[in-house]
Amino acid sequence: MTEQTRSTPAYAVAHLRQVGVGDAIIEYLTRIDATLAPYGGRFLVHGGPVTALEGVWDGDVVVIAFPSSGAARAWYDSAEYRAILPLRLDHAHSVAAIVEGVPEGYRATDKLAALQGA
């Protein structure tokens, strides 16, 4: 793991579509906060209104912040989260990913420099 990986935040991002809100999803929502706490996870976005600027957006967005990609992965792989994950997977069509953030002060030209090998 690089120093940047340890020092930059990471985000668990999910695009949820066709969520069947019933007992299983209610249980999932009731239990998820307790799974996040040990890993420093917190909701930044949880299904709020989406204003599509390009194309058609269907569904909801969830973004959970973690202090690092290691913490995000440890949460996702934890026994506590794995115990409730089927409640969501079996009742929603979704895609999910962990994405690394960028350090404080990052600028788009930093990416350009990396792409050009500078």
C-alpha atoms as a PDB file:
ATOM      1  CA  MET A   1       0.000   0.000   0.000  1.00  0.00           C
ATOM      2  CA  THR A   2       1.416   3.385  -0.947  1.00  0.00           C
ATOM      3  CA  GLU A   3       1.603   6.391   1.345  1.00  0.00           C
ATOM      4  CA  GLN A   4      -1.048   8.101  -0.793  1.00  0.00           C
ATOM      5  CA  THR A   5      -3.404   5.120  -0.384  1.00  0.00           C
ATOM      6  CA  ARG A   6      -3.075   5.348   3.404  1.00  0.00           C
ATOM      7  CA  SER A   7      -3.490   9.118   3.550  1.00  0.00           C
ATOM      8  CA  THR A   8      -6.289   9.734   1.064  1.00  0.00           C
ATOM      9  CA  PRO A   9      -9.945   9.064   1.707  1.00  0.00           C
ATOM     10  CA  ALA A  10     -11.866   6.432  -0.189  1.00  0.00           C
ATOM     11  CA  TYR A  11     -15.516   6.095  -1.013  1.00  0.00           C
ATOM     12  CA  ALA A  12     -17.897   3.196  -1.342  1.00  0.00           C
ATOM     13  CA  VAL A  13     -20.227   4.205  -4.150  1.00  0.00           C
ATOM     14  CA  ALA A  14     -23.392   2.399  -5.166  1.00  0.00           C
ATOM     15  CA  HIS A  15     -25.960   3.007  -7.888  1.00  0.00           C
ATOM     16  CA  LEU A  16     -29.186   1.388  -6.744  1.00  0.00           C
ATOM     17  CA  ARG A  17     -32.068   0.666  -9.066  1.00  0.00           C
ATOM     18  CA  GLN A  18     -35.372  -1.113  -8.550  1.00  0.00           C
ATOM     19  CA  VAL A  19     -35.122  -1.352  -4.784  1.00  0.00           C
ATOM     20  CA  GLY A  20     -37.892  -3.455  -3.268  1.00  0.00           C
ATOM     21  CA  VAL A  21     -38.528  -1.644  -0.005  1.00  0.00           C
ATOM     22  CA  GLY A  22     -39.833  -4.294   2.351  1.00  0.00           C
ATOM     23  CA  ASP A  23     -38.771  -6.097   5.507  1.00  0.00           C
ATOM     24  CA  ALA A  24     -35.328  -7.068   4.155  1.00  0.00           C
ATOM     25  CA  ILE A  25     -34.357  -3.527   3.117  1.00  0.00           C
ATOM     26  CA  ILE A  26     -35.735  -2.150   6.385  1.00  0.00           C
ATOM     27  CA  GLU A  27     -33.528  -4.610   8.286  1.00  0.00           C
ATOM     28  CA  TYR A  28     -30.510  -3.694   6.112  1.00  0.00           C
ATOM     29  CA  LEU A  29     -30.998   0.018   6.802  1.00  0.00           C
ATOM     30  CA  THR A  30     -31.495  -0.634  10.511  1.00  0.00           C
ATOM     31  CA  ARG A  31     -28.221  -2.563  10.763  1.00  0.00           C
ATOM     32  CA  ILE A  32     -25.787  -0.857   8.344  1.00  0.00           C
ATOM     33  CA  ASP A  33     -24.720   2.055  10.571  1.00  0.00           C
ATOM     34  CA  ALA A  34     -23.275  -0.327  13.175  1.00  0.00           C
ATOM     35  CA  THR A  35     -21.159  -2.000  10.459  1.00  0.00           C
ATOM     36  CA  LEU A  36     -19.664   1.333   9.361  1.00  0.00           C
ATOM     37  CA  ALA A  37     -18.577   2.669  12.754  1.00  0.00           C
ATOM     38  CA  PRO A  38     -15.547   0.405  13.356  1.00  0.00           C
ATOM     39  CA  TYR A  39     -14.084   1.409   9.967  1.00  0.00           C
ATOM     40  CA  GLY A  40     -14.660   5.161  10.186  1.00  0.00           C
ATOM     41  CA  GLY A  41     -17.375   5.054   7.520  1.00  0.00           C
ATOM     42  CA  ARG A  42     -20.032   7.730   7.220  1.00  0.00           C
ATOM     43  CA  PHE A  43     -22.731   8.486   4.699  1.00  0.00           C
ATOM     44  CA  LEU A  44     -22.137  11.465   2.422  1.00  0.00           C
ATOM     45  CA  VAL A  45     -25.029  10.696   0.058  1.00  0.00           C
ATOM     46  CA  HIS A  46     -27.872   8.316   0.775  1.00  0.00           C
ATOM     47  CA  GLY A  47     -30.433   8.282  -1.988  1.00  0.00           C
ATOM     48  CA  GLY A  48     -31.093  11.996  -2.167  1.00  0.00           C
ATOM     49  CA  PRO A  49     -32.590  13.683  -5.225  1.00  0.00           C
ATOM     50  CA  VAL A  50     -30.496  13.350  -8.399  1.00  0.00           C
ATOM     51  CA  THR A  51     -30.491  16.041 -11.071  1.00  0.00           C
ATOM     52  CA  ALA A  52     -29.293  14.418 -14.292  1.00  0.00           C
ATOM     53  CA  LEU A  53     -27.138  16.766 -16.331  1.00  0.00           C
ATOM     54  CA  GLU A  54     -26.282  14.293 -19.088  1.00  0.00           C
ATOM     55  CA  GLY A  55     -28.320  11.305 -20.140  1.00  0.00           C
ATOM     56  CA  VAL A  56     -31.064   9.667 -18.134  1.00  0.00           C
ATOM     57  CA  TRP A  57     -30.317   8.765 -14.528  1.00  0.00           C
ATOM     58  CA  ASP A  58     -32.352   5.996 -13.019  1.00  0.00           C
ATOM     59  CA  GLY A  59     -32.158   5.008  -9.404  1.00  0.00           C
ATOM     60  CA  ASP A  60     -30.436   6.278  -6.300  1.00  0.00           C
ATOM     61  CA  VAL A  61     -26.843   7.028  -5.375  1.00  0.00           C
ATOM     62  CA  VAL A  62     -25.151   6.097  -2.118  1.00  0.00           C
ATOM     63  CA  VAL A  63     -21.702   7.420  -1.188  1.00  0.00           C
ATOM     64  CA  ILE A  64     -19.998   6.359   2.036  1.00  0.00           C
ATOM     65  CA  ALA A  65     -16.697   8.007   3.027  1.00  0.00           C
ATOM     66  CA  PHE A  66     -13.860   6.092   4.678  1.00  0.00           C
ATOM     67  CA  PRO A  67     -10.457   7.280   5.874  1.00  0.00           C
ATOM     68  CA  SER A  68      -8.691   5.002   3.341  1.00  0.00           C
ATOM     69  CA  SER A  69      -9.315   2.381   0.692  1.00  0.00           C
ATOM     70  CA  GLY A  70      -8.058  -0.226   3.170  1.00  0.00           C
ATOM     71  CA  ALA A  71     -10.731   0.791   5.668  1.00  0.00           C
ATOM     72  CA  ALA A  72     -13.414   0.721   2.966  1.00  0.00           C
ATOM     73  CA  ARG A  73     -12.393  -2.755   1.838  1.00  0.00           C
ATOM     74  CA  ALA A  74     -12.145  -4.022   5.424  1.00  0.00           C
ATOM     75  CA  TRP A  75     -15.719  -2.800   6.034  1.00  0.00           C
ATOM     76  CA  TYR A  76     -17.054  -4.444   2.871  1.00  0.00           C
ATOM     77  CA  ASP A  77     -15.291  -7.722   3.698  1.00  0.00           C
ATOM     78  CA  SER A  78     -16.232  -7.677   7.401  1.00  0.00           C
ATOM     79  CA  ALA A  79     -18.372 -10.467   8.815  1.00  0.00           C
ATOM     80  CA  GLU A  80     -20.830  -7.867  10.128  1.00  0.00           C
ATOM     81  CA  TYR A  81     -21.436  -6.315   6.711  1.00  0.00           C
ATOM     82  CA  ARG A  82     -21.379  -9.658   4.878  1.00  0.00           C
ATOM     83  CA  ALA A  83     -24.171 -10.802   7.217  1.00  0.00           C
ATOM     84  CA  ILE A  84     -26.512  -8.066   5.939  1.00  0.00           C
ATOM     85  CA  LEU A  85     -25.294  -7.711   2.333  1.00  0.00           C
ATOM     86  CA  PRO A  86     -27.716 -10.356   0.953  1.00  0.00           C
ATOM     87  CA  LEU A  87     -30.607  -8.259   2.285  1.00  0.00           C
ATOM     88  CA  ARG A  88     -29.674  -5.587  -0.271  1.00  0.00           C
ATOM     89  CA  LEU A  89     -28.389  -7.813  -3.068  1.00  0.00           C
ATOM     90  CA  ASP A  90     -31.540  -9.912  -3.089  1.00  0.00           C
ATOM     91  CA  HIS A  91     -33.874  -6.882  -3.156  1.00  0.00           C
ATOM     92  CA  ALA A  92     -32.204  -4.316  -5.439  1.00  0.00           C
ATOM     93  CA  HIS A  93     -30.436  -4.145  -8.770  1.00  0.00           C
ATOM     94  CA  SER A  94     -27.189  -2.338  -8.104  1.00  0.00           C
ATOM     95  CA  VAL A  95     -23.552  -1.789  -8.902  1.00  0.00           C
ATOM     96  CA  ALA A  96     -21.053  -0.880  -6.214  1.00  0.00           C
ATOM     97  CA  ALA A  97     -17.371   0.058  -6.101  1.00  0.00           C
ATOM     98  CA  ILE A  98     -14.670   1.457  -3.884  1.00  0.00           C
ATOM     99  CA  VAL A  99     -12.873   4.447  -5.342  1.00  0.00           C
ATOM    100  CA  GLU A 100      -9.873   6.272  -3.915  1.00  0.00           C
ATOM    101  CA  GLY A 101     -10.189   9.969  -3.312  1.00  0.00           C
ATOM    102  CA  VAL A 102      -7.480  12.524  -3.873  1.00  0.00           C
ATOM    103  CA  PRO A 103      -5.324  14.322  -1.313  1.00  0.00           C
ATOM    104  CA  GLU A 104      -6.089  17.817  -0.052  1.00  0.00           C
ATOM    105  CA  GLY A 105      -4.948  20.434  -2.571  1.00  0.00           C
ATOM    106  CA  TYR A 106      -5.245  18.098  -5.567  1.00  0.00           C
ATOM    107  CA  ARG A 107      -5.656  19.753  -8.970  1.00  0.00           C
ATOM    108  CA  ALA A 108      -6.674  18.288 -12.322  1.00  0.00           C
ATOM    109  CA  THR A 109      -3.212  19.017 -13.675  1.00  0.00           C
ATOM    110  CA  ASP A 110      -1.838  16.510 -11.120  1.00  0.00           C
ATOM    111  CA  LYS A 111      -3.566  13.790 -13.149  1.00  0.00           C
ATOM    112  CA  LEU A 112      -2.201  15.258 -16.351  1.00  0.00           C
ATOM    113  CA  ALA A 113       1.330  15.100 -14.935  1.00  0.00           C
ATOM    114  CA  ALA A 114       0.809  11.456 -13.909  1.00  0.00           C
ATOM    115  CA  LEU A 115      -0.535  10.548 -17.354  1.00  0.00           C
ATOM    116  CA  GLN A 116       2.459  12.197 -19.025  1.00  0.00           C
ATOM    117  CA  GLY A 117       4.880  10.418 -16.696  1.00  0.00           C
ATOM    118  CA  ALA A 118       6.195  13.597 -15.149  1.00  0.00           C
END
